Every structure is written in structure tokens, then in C-alpha cells.
Amino acid sequence: MEPDARIAAKVEHAREVEGFMRRLGWSVAVLGLVGVGVFAVLWGLGDLDAEQAISLILGTCLATILSGTTAYGSGTNVGLGAERLEIAARTASPQPDDGAQH
């Protein structure tokens, strides 16, 4: 496989990983909101006392924020790395001639 083809394959794979990680970040956020909702319902039904409910809701919120933003940020970082690699490969490889005679 040519170096240009390998770089193009790596960039494409990095973009796929970027999309997956960003979707994972949003999924974690949604799952956390569902968890907060469940704990709020359990608190409303009286299955949890105030101290338990507040600690579970806050813990779920904090874990969700940290996990979701980490996954989302990682995906964004992978995407930026792919862009840098593509730009570096484009500037390093010789550009095809446009047909002009020198």
C-alpha cells in the first residue's frame, strides 16, 4: 500500500472514530438524564429519602458530565488530529502538475 493511501485510510478511520466518540458522548449525557429522572421518580414515590436522592442525583450528574465531555472531547481531538495529518500529508507530498510546461 502506498504511503498516501495509508494516510488517507488512517484519516478516514480517525473520522469514523471521531463520529463514534461524539455520539458516545451524547449517549452518555442522555443516559445520565434518564438516570436523574429515575432517581427523581423514586424520590417522589418515597423509596429514597432526601439525602439518598440528592446524593444519587448529584453523583449521576457529575459522572455524566465528566464521562460525556471526556468522550465528546476525545472524539473532537481525534478529528483535529486527522485534519492535521491530512494537511501535513497534503503539503509534504508532491502536488500533481496542472499540465503547464516549464
N, C-alpha and C. Protein backbone atom coordinates (compact mmCIF):
# COMPACT_ATOMS: atom_id res chain seq x y z
N MET A 1 0.85 -1.17 0.00
CA MET A 1 0.00 0.00 0.00
C MET A 1 0.90 1.24 0.00
N GLU A 2 0.56 2.20 -0.83
CA GLU A 2 1.32 3.44 -0.92
C GLU A 2 1.18 4.27 0.35
N PRO A 3 2.19 5.06 0.66
CA PRO A 3 2.08 5.92 1.86
C PRO A 3 0.87 6.85 1.81
N ASP A 4 0.57 7.43 0.65
CA ASP A 4 -0.59 8.32 0.53
C ASP A 4 -1.89 7.58 0.81
N ALA A 5 -1.98 6.35 0.32
CA ALA A 5 -3.19 5.55 0.54
C ALA A 5 -3.32 5.17 2.02
N ARG A 6 -2.20 4.86 2.66
CA ARG A 6 -2.24 4.54 4.09
C ARG A 6 -2.68 5.74 4.90
N ILE A 7 -2.14 6.90 4.57
CA ILE A 7 -2.52 8.11 5.30
C ILE A 7 -4.00 8.41 5.09
N ALA A 8 -4.47 8.27 3.87
CA ALA A 8 -5.88 8.52 3.59
C ALA A 8 -6.77 7.54 4.37
N ALA A 9 -6.33 6.28 4.47
CA ALA A 9 -7.10 5.29 5.23
C ALA A 9 -7.11 5.63 6.72
N LYS A 10 -5.98 6.08 7.23
CA LYS A 10 -5.91 6.47 8.65
C LYS A 10 -6.77 7.68 8.93
N VAL A 11 -6.78 8.64 8.03
CA VAL A 11 -7.61 9.83 8.21
C VAL A 11 -9.08 9.43 8.19
N GLU A 12 -9.46 8.58 7.26
CA GLU A 12 -10.86 8.14 7.19
C GLU A 12 -11.26 7.38 8.46
N HIS A 13 -10.38 6.51 8.94
CA HIS A 13 -10.66 5.76 10.17
C HIS A 13 -10.79 6.72 11.36
N ALA A 14 -9.90 7.72 11.42
CA ALA A 14 -9.96 8.69 12.51
C ALA A 14 -11.27 9.46 12.48
N ARG A 15 -11.77 9.76 11.30
CA ARG A 15 -13.04 10.47 11.20
C ARG A 15 -14.20 9.59 11.66
N GLU A 16 -14.12 8.30 11.36
CA GLU A 16 -15.14 7.37 11.86
C GLU A 16 -15.11 7.29 13.38
N VAL A 17 -13.90 7.21 13.94
CA VAL A 17 -13.75 7.17 15.39
C VAL A 17 -14.27 8.46 16.01
N GLU A 18 -13.99 9.60 15.36
CA GLU A 18 -14.47 10.88 15.85
C GLU A 18 -16.00 10.87 15.95
N GLY A 19 -16.66 10.41 14.91
CA GLY A 19 -18.12 10.36 14.93
C GLY A 19 -18.64 9.45 16.03
N PHE A 20 -18.01 8.29 16.18
CA PHE A 20 -18.44 7.35 17.22
C PHE A 20 -18.27 7.95 18.61
N MET A 21 -17.12 8.57 18.86
CA MET A 21 -16.86 9.13 20.19
C MET A 21 -17.80 10.30 20.50
N ARG A 22 -18.11 11.09 19.50
CA ARG A 22 -19.04 12.20 19.74
C ARG A 22 -20.44 11.68 20.01
N ARG A 23 -20.86 10.65 19.27
CA ARG A 23 -22.18 10.03 19.55
C ARG A 23 -22.18 9.39 20.93
N LEU A 24 -21.07 8.77 21.31
CA LEU A 24 -20.97 8.17 22.64
C LEU A 24 -21.10 9.24 23.72
N GLY A 25 -20.47 10.36 23.52
CA GLY A 25 -20.58 11.46 24.49
C GLY A 25 -22.02 11.91 24.67
N TRP A 26 -22.73 12.08 23.57
CA TRP A 26 -24.14 12.48 23.67
C TRP A 26 -24.99 11.38 24.30
N SER A 27 -24.68 10.12 23.97
CA SER A 27 -25.43 9.00 24.54
C SER A 27 -25.26 8.93 26.06
N VAL A 28 -24.05 9.17 26.52
CA VAL A 28 -23.80 9.17 27.96
C VAL A 28 -24.61 10.29 28.62
N ALA A 29 -24.68 11.44 27.97
CA ALA A 29 -25.45 12.56 28.52
C ALA A 29 -26.93 12.20 28.62
N VAL A 30 -27.47 11.58 27.59
CA VAL A 30 -28.89 11.17 27.61
C VAL A 30 -29.12 10.12 28.68
N LEU A 31 -28.23 9.15 28.77
CA LEU A 31 -28.36 8.11 29.78
C LEU A 31 -28.31 8.70 31.19
N GLY A 32 -27.46 9.69 31.38
CA GLY A 32 -27.39 10.35 32.68
C GLY A 32 -28.68 11.08 33.02
N LEU A 33 -29.27 11.74 32.04
CA LEU A 33 -30.55 12.42 32.27
C LEU A 33 -31.65 11.43 32.61
N VAL A 34 -31.63 10.28 31.96
CA VAL A 34 -32.60 9.24 32.29
C VAL A 34 -32.39 8.77 33.73
N GLY A 35 -31.14 8.58 34.12
CA GLY A 35 -30.83 8.17 35.49
C GLY A 35 -31.30 9.19 36.51
N VAL A 36 -31.08 10.46 36.22
CA VAL A 36 -31.55 11.52 37.12
C VAL A 36 -33.06 11.47 37.23
N GLY A 37 -33.73 11.26 36.10
CA GLY A 37 -35.19 11.16 36.11
C GLY A 37 -35.68 9.99 36.94
N VAL A 38 -35.02 8.86 36.82
CA VAL A 38 -35.41 7.67 37.60
C VAL A 38 -35.24 7.93 39.09
N PHE A 39 -34.10 8.52 39.47
CA PHE A 39 -33.89 8.81 40.89
C PHE A 39 -34.90 9.83 41.41
N ALA A 40 -35.26 10.80 40.57
CA ALA A 40 -36.26 11.79 40.99
C ALA A 40 -37.62 11.13 41.19
N VAL A 41 -37.96 10.20 40.31
CA VAL A 41 -39.24 9.49 40.46
C VAL A 41 -39.22 8.65 41.73
N LEU A 42 -38.12 7.94 41.97
CA LEU A 42 -38.02 7.13 43.18
C LEU A 42 -38.10 8.00 44.43
N TRP A 43 -37.52 9.18 44.37
CA TRP A 43 -37.59 10.12 45.47
C TRP A 43 -39.03 10.59 45.66
N GLY A 44 -39.69 10.88 44.56
CA GLY A 44 -41.09 11.32 44.62
C GLY A 44 -42.01 10.24 45.16
N LEU A 45 -41.71 8.98 44.86
CA LEU A 45 -42.53 7.87 45.35
C LEU A 45 -42.24 7.54 46.81
N GLY A 46 -41.16 8.08 47.33
CA GLY A 46 -40.83 7.84 48.73
C GLY A 46 -39.90 6.67 48.94
N ASP A 47 -39.38 6.08 47.86
CA ASP A 47 -38.45 4.95 48.00
C ASP A 47 -37.06 5.40 48.44
N LEU A 48 -36.76 6.68 48.25
CA LEU A 48 -35.48 7.24 48.67
C LEU A 48 -35.73 8.43 49.58
N ASP A 49 -34.92 8.55 50.62
CA ASP A 49 -35.06 9.77 51.44
C ASP A 49 -34.29 10.91 50.75
N ALA A 50 -34.43 12.10 51.26
CA ALA A 50 -33.85 13.27 50.60
C ALA A 50 -32.34 13.18 50.45
N GLU A 51 -31.66 12.72 51.48
CA GLU A 51 -30.20 12.64 51.43
C GLU A 51 -29.74 11.65 50.36
N GLN A 52 -30.37 10.48 50.31
CA GLN A 52 -30.02 9.49 49.29
C GLN A 52 -30.30 10.03 47.89
N ALA A 53 -31.47 10.62 47.71
CA ALA A 53 -31.87 11.10 46.39
C ALA A 53 -30.94 12.19 45.89
N ILE A 54 -30.64 13.15 46.76
CA ILE A 54 -29.77 14.24 46.34
C ILE A 54 -28.37 13.74 46.01
N SER A 55 -27.84 12.84 46.82
CA SER A 55 -26.50 12.32 46.54
C SER A 55 -26.49 11.49 45.25
N LEU A 56 -27.54 10.70 45.01
CA LEU A 56 -27.60 9.92 43.77
C LEU A 56 -27.75 10.83 42.56
N ILE A 57 -28.60 11.84 42.66
CA ILE A 57 -28.80 12.74 41.52
C ILE A 57 -27.54 13.53 41.23
N LEU A 58 -26.92 14.09 42.27
CA LEU A 58 -25.68 14.85 42.06
C LEU A 58 -24.55 13.96 41.52
N GLY A 59 -24.43 12.77 42.09
CA GLY A 59 -23.40 11.85 41.62
C GLY A 59 -23.60 11.45 40.17
N THR A 60 -24.86 11.20 39.81
CA THR A 60 -25.16 10.84 38.42
C THR A 60 -24.88 12.01 37.49
N CYS A 61 -25.26 13.21 37.90
CA CYS A 61 -24.99 14.40 37.08
C CYS A 61 -23.50 14.61 36.88
N LEU A 62 -22.73 14.53 37.95
CA LEU A 62 -21.30 14.76 37.84
C LEU A 62 -20.61 13.67 37.00
N ALA A 63 -20.98 12.42 37.22
CA ALA A 63 -20.39 11.33 36.44
C ALA A 63 -20.76 11.46 34.96
N THR A 64 -21.99 11.85 34.71
CA THR A 64 -22.44 12.02 33.33
C THR A 64 -21.69 13.15 32.65
N ILE A 65 -21.56 14.27 33.34
CA ILE A 65 -20.86 15.42 32.76
C ILE A 65 -19.41 15.05 32.46
N LEU A 66 -18.74 14.43 33.41
CA LEU A 66 -17.34 14.08 33.21
C LEU A 66 -17.17 13.03 32.11
N SER A 67 -17.97 12.00 32.12
CA SER A 67 -17.84 10.94 31.12
C SER A 67 -18.24 11.42 29.73
N GLY A 68 -19.34 12.12 29.65
CA GLY A 68 -19.82 12.59 28.35
C GLY A 68 -18.88 13.59 27.71
N THR A 69 -18.40 14.55 28.49
CA THR A 69 -17.50 15.54 27.91
C THR A 69 -16.14 14.93 27.57
N THR A 70 -15.72 13.94 28.34
CA THR A 70 -14.47 13.26 28.01
C THR A 70 -14.58 12.53 26.68
N ALA A 71 -15.65 11.79 26.49
CA ALA A 71 -15.85 11.07 25.23
C ALA A 71 -16.00 12.04 24.06
N TYR A 72 -16.80 13.08 24.25
CA TYR A 72 -17.01 14.07 23.19
C TYR A 72 -15.70 14.79 22.85
N GLY A 73 -14.98 15.20 23.89
CA GLY A 73 -13.71 15.88 23.67
C GLY A 73 -12.67 14.99 23.01
N SER A 74 -12.66 13.72 23.37
CA SER A 74 -11.74 12.79 22.74
C SER A 74 -12.05 12.64 21.26
N GLY A 75 -13.32 12.56 20.94
CA GLY A 75 -13.71 12.48 19.54
C GLY A 75 -13.30 13.71 18.76
N THR A 76 -13.49 14.86 19.36
CA THR A 76 -13.09 16.11 18.71
C THR A 76 -11.57 16.15 18.52
N ASN A 77 -10.83 15.69 19.51
CA ASN A 77 -9.37 15.66 19.42
C ASN A 77 -8.90 14.72 18.32
N VAL A 78 -9.55 13.58 18.19
CA VAL A 78 -9.19 12.64 17.12
C VAL A 78 -9.46 13.29 15.76
N GLY A 79 -10.58 13.99 15.65
CA GLY A 79 -10.91 14.66 14.40
C GLY A 79 -9.89 15.74 14.05
N LEU A 80 -9.47 16.51 15.05
CA LEU A 80 -8.45 17.53 14.80
C LEU A 80 -7.12 16.91 14.39
N GLY A 81 -6.79 15.78 15.01
CA GLY A 81 -5.57 15.07 14.63
C GLY A 81 -5.64 14.58 13.19
N ALA A 82 -6.81 14.12 12.78
CA ALA A 82 -6.99 13.66 11.41
C ALA A 82 -6.82 14.82 10.44
N GLU A 83 -7.37 15.97 10.79
CA GLU A 83 -7.21 17.15 9.94
C GLU A 83 -5.75 17.55 9.82
N ARG A 84 -5.03 17.54 10.95
CA ARG A 84 -3.61 17.89 10.92
C ARG A 84 -2.82 16.91 10.06
N LEU A 85 -3.13 15.63 10.20
CA LEU A 85 -2.43 14.61 9.42
C LEU A 85 -2.70 14.81 7.93
N GLU A 86 -3.94 15.08 7.59
CA GLU A 86 -4.28 15.27 6.18
C GLU A 86 -3.58 16.51 5.61
N ILE A 87 -3.56 17.59 6.36
CA ILE A 87 -2.90 18.81 5.90
C ILE A 87 -1.39 18.57 5.76
N ALA A 88 -0.79 17.91 6.74
CA ALA A 88 0.64 17.63 6.68
C ALA A 88 0.97 16.72 5.50
N ALA A 89 0.13 15.73 5.25
CA ALA A 89 0.37 14.82 4.13
C ALA A 89 0.22 15.54 2.80
N ARG A 90 -0.77 16.44 2.73
CA ARG A 90 -1.01 17.18 1.50
C ARG A 90 0.17 18.11 1.18
N THR A 91 0.71 18.75 2.20
CA THR A 91 1.82 19.68 1.96
C THR A 91 3.14 18.95 1.76
N ALA A 92 3.27 17.75 2.30
CA ALA A 92 4.53 17.01 2.17
C ALA A 92 4.63 16.26 0.85
N SER A 93 3.50 15.81 0.32
CA SER A 93 3.55 15.04 -0.92
C SER A 93 3.60 15.99 -2.11
N PRO A 94 4.31 15.59 -3.16
CA PRO A 94 4.36 16.45 -4.34
C PRO A 94 2.99 16.56 -4.99
N GLN A 95 2.63 17.78 -5.36
CA GLN A 95 1.34 18.02 -5.98
C GLN A 95 1.42 17.67 -7.45
N PRO A 96 0.35 17.10 -8.02
CA PRO A 96 0.38 16.79 -9.45
C PRO A 96 0.46 18.09 -10.27
N ASP A 97 1.19 18.01 -11.37
CA ASP A 97 1.35 19.15 -12.25
C ASP A 97 0.03 19.42 -12.96
N ASP A 98 -0.27 20.68 -13.21
CA ASP A 98 -1.54 21.03 -13.84
C ASP A 98 -1.46 21.00 -15.35
N GLY A 99 -0.37 20.49 -15.88
CA GLY A 99 -0.24 20.35 -17.33
C GLY A 99 0.55 21.48 -17.96
N ALA A 100 0.94 22.46 -17.18
CA ALA A 100 1.69 23.58 -17.71
C ALA A 100 3.14 23.13 -17.99
N GLN A 101 3.70 23.61 -19.08
CA GLN A 101 5.09 23.30 -19.43
C GLN A 101 6.00 24.33 -18.79
N HIS A 102 7.11 23.86 -18.25
CA HIS A 102 8.07 24.77 -17.62
C HIS A 102 9.24 24.97 -18.50
